[in-house]
Amino acid sequence: LIRNLHANGASFFFICLYLHIGRGLYYGSYLYKETWNIGVILLLLVMGTAFVGYFLPWGQMSFWGATVITNLLSAVPYVGNTLVQWIWGGFSVDNATLTR
């Protein structure tokens, strides 16, 4: 019960977050540059925190989720593959990735 509430609560939080962003776009809040930039930084931090929360149980879905999301960084020109290997702590997602 608690695990189900936790998962649904996280999804509900992101729904509220996206509704808040939509409201900001509708009312033109992006014109306030400093406030909008802080909001974007907070969105990225929340998304990073959600990814780590998804990754930590270290199940099969967590493993493949971590593999796919971290492989997206390999698209960064020149340093992408090096960056991915640095995050992984080796040449693939493994226990070293989890302890980093």
Protein backbone atom coordinates (compact mmCIF):
# COMPACT_ATOMS: atom_id res chain seq x y z
CA LEU A 1 0.00 0.00 0.00
CA ILE A 2 2.73 2.45 0.97
CA ARG A 3 4.79 1.68 -2.14
CA ASN A 4 1.75 2.17 -4.35
CA LEU A 5 0.92 5.49 -2.69
CA HIS A 6 4.52 6.59 -3.09
CA ALA A 7 4.61 5.79 -6.82
CA ASN A 8 1.24 7.41 -7.51
CA GLY A 9 2.18 10.42 -5.40
CA ALA A 10 5.30 10.95 -7.49
CA SER A 11 3.24 10.79 -10.68
CA PHE A 12 0.69 13.21 -9.23
CA PHE A 13 3.51 15.58 -8.25
CA PHE A 14 4.77 15.66 -11.84
CA ILE A 15 1.24 16.22 -13.17
CA CYS A 16 0.93 19.23 -10.86
CA LEU A 17 4.38 20.42 -11.92
CA TYR A 18 3.50 20.28 -15.63
CA LEU A 19 0.18 22.03 -14.99
CA HIS A 20 2.11 24.77 -13.18
CA ILE A 21 4.48 25.12 -16.15
CA GLY A 22 1.51 25.26 -18.52
CA ARG A 23 -0.08 27.99 -16.46
CA GLY A 24 3.18 29.93 -16.52
CA LEU A 25 3.34 29.64 -20.30
CA TYR A 26 -0.30 30.68 -20.68
CA TYR A 27 0.08 33.79 -18.51
CA GLY A 28 3.46 34.80 -19.95
CA SER A 29 5.50 34.23 -16.82
CA TYR A 30 8.51 33.40 -19.01
CA LEU A 31 8.92 37.15 -19.51
CA TYR A 32 10.35 37.34 -15.97
CA LYS A 33 13.69 35.86 -16.93
CA GLU A 34 15.20 35.31 -13.48
CA THR A 35 12.10 33.65 -12.07
CA TRP A 36 11.66 31.49 -15.18
CA ASN A 37 15.33 30.41 -15.17
CA ILE A 38 15.12 29.41 -11.51
CA GLY A 39 12.00 27.41 -12.34
CA VAL A 40 13.79 25.60 -15.17
CA ILE A 41 16.71 24.79 -12.87
CA LEU A 42 14.30 23.46 -10.24
CA LEU A 43 12.53 21.36 -12.90
CA LEU A 44 15.84 19.81 -13.95
CA LEU A 45 16.76 19.10 -10.32
CA VAL A 46 13.38 17.46 -9.67
CA MET A 47 13.71 15.36 -12.82
CA GLY A 48 17.21 14.29 -11.72
CA THR A 49 15.93 13.39 -8.28
CA ALA A 50 13.09 11.37 -9.80
CA PHE A 51 15.56 9.52 -12.03
CA VAL A 52 17.73 8.62 -9.04
CA GLY A 53 14.63 7.47 -7.16
CA TYR A 54 13.68 5.28 -10.10
CA PHE A 55 17.20 3.94 -10.37
CA LEU A 56 17.84 3.06 -6.72
CA PRO A 57 15.68 -0.10 -6.35
CA TRP A 58 18.09 -1.74 -8.82
CA GLY A 59 15.55 -4.02 -10.43
CA GLN A 60 15.38 -5.01 -14.07
CA MET A 61 13.37 -1.91 -15.03
CA SER A 62 15.80 0.28 -13.07
CA PHE A 63 18.78 -1.25 -14.84
CA TRP A 64 17.39 -0.69 -18.33
CA GLY A 65 16.05 2.74 -17.43
CA ALA A 66 19.51 3.77 -16.24
CA THR A 67 21.10 2.30 -19.35
CA VAL A 68 18.78 4.14 -21.73
CA ILE A 69 18.84 7.50 -19.95
CA THR A 70 22.60 7.58 -19.45
CA ASN A 71 23.17 6.52 -23.06
CA LEU A 72 21.35 9.67 -24.13
CA LEU A 73 24.42 11.57 -22.93
CA SER A 74 26.54 9.84 -25.57
CA ALA A 75 24.94 12.19 -28.11
CA VAL A 76 26.95 15.11 -26.67
CA PRO A 77 29.62 15.94 -29.26
CA TYR A 78 33.27 15.10 -28.50
CA VAL A 79 32.85 14.19 -24.81
CA GLY A 80 29.64 12.11 -24.84
CA ASN A 81 31.17 8.63 -24.64
CA THR A 82 33.71 9.70 -22.04
CA LEU A 83 30.94 11.33 -19.99
CA VAL A 84 28.80 8.17 -20.12
CA GLN A 85 31.70 5.96 -19.04
CA TRP A 86 32.50 8.36 -16.20
CA ILE A 87 28.89 8.24 -14.95
CA TRP A 88 28.77 4.46 -15.30
CA GLY A 89 32.08 3.96 -13.52
CA GLY A 90 33.10 1.49 -16.23
CA PHE A 91 31.96 0.28 -19.60
CA SER A 92 28.39 -0.61 -18.64
CA VAL A 93 25.78 0.03 -15.96
CA ASP A 94 26.92 -2.11 -13.04
CA ASN A 95 27.22 -2.07 -9.24
CA ALA A 96 29.87 0.64 -9.58
CA THR A 97 27.20 2.87 -11.11
CA LEU A 98 24.91 2.39 -8.13
CA THR A 99 27.57 3.24 -5.56
CA ARG A 100 28.71 6.43 -7.30
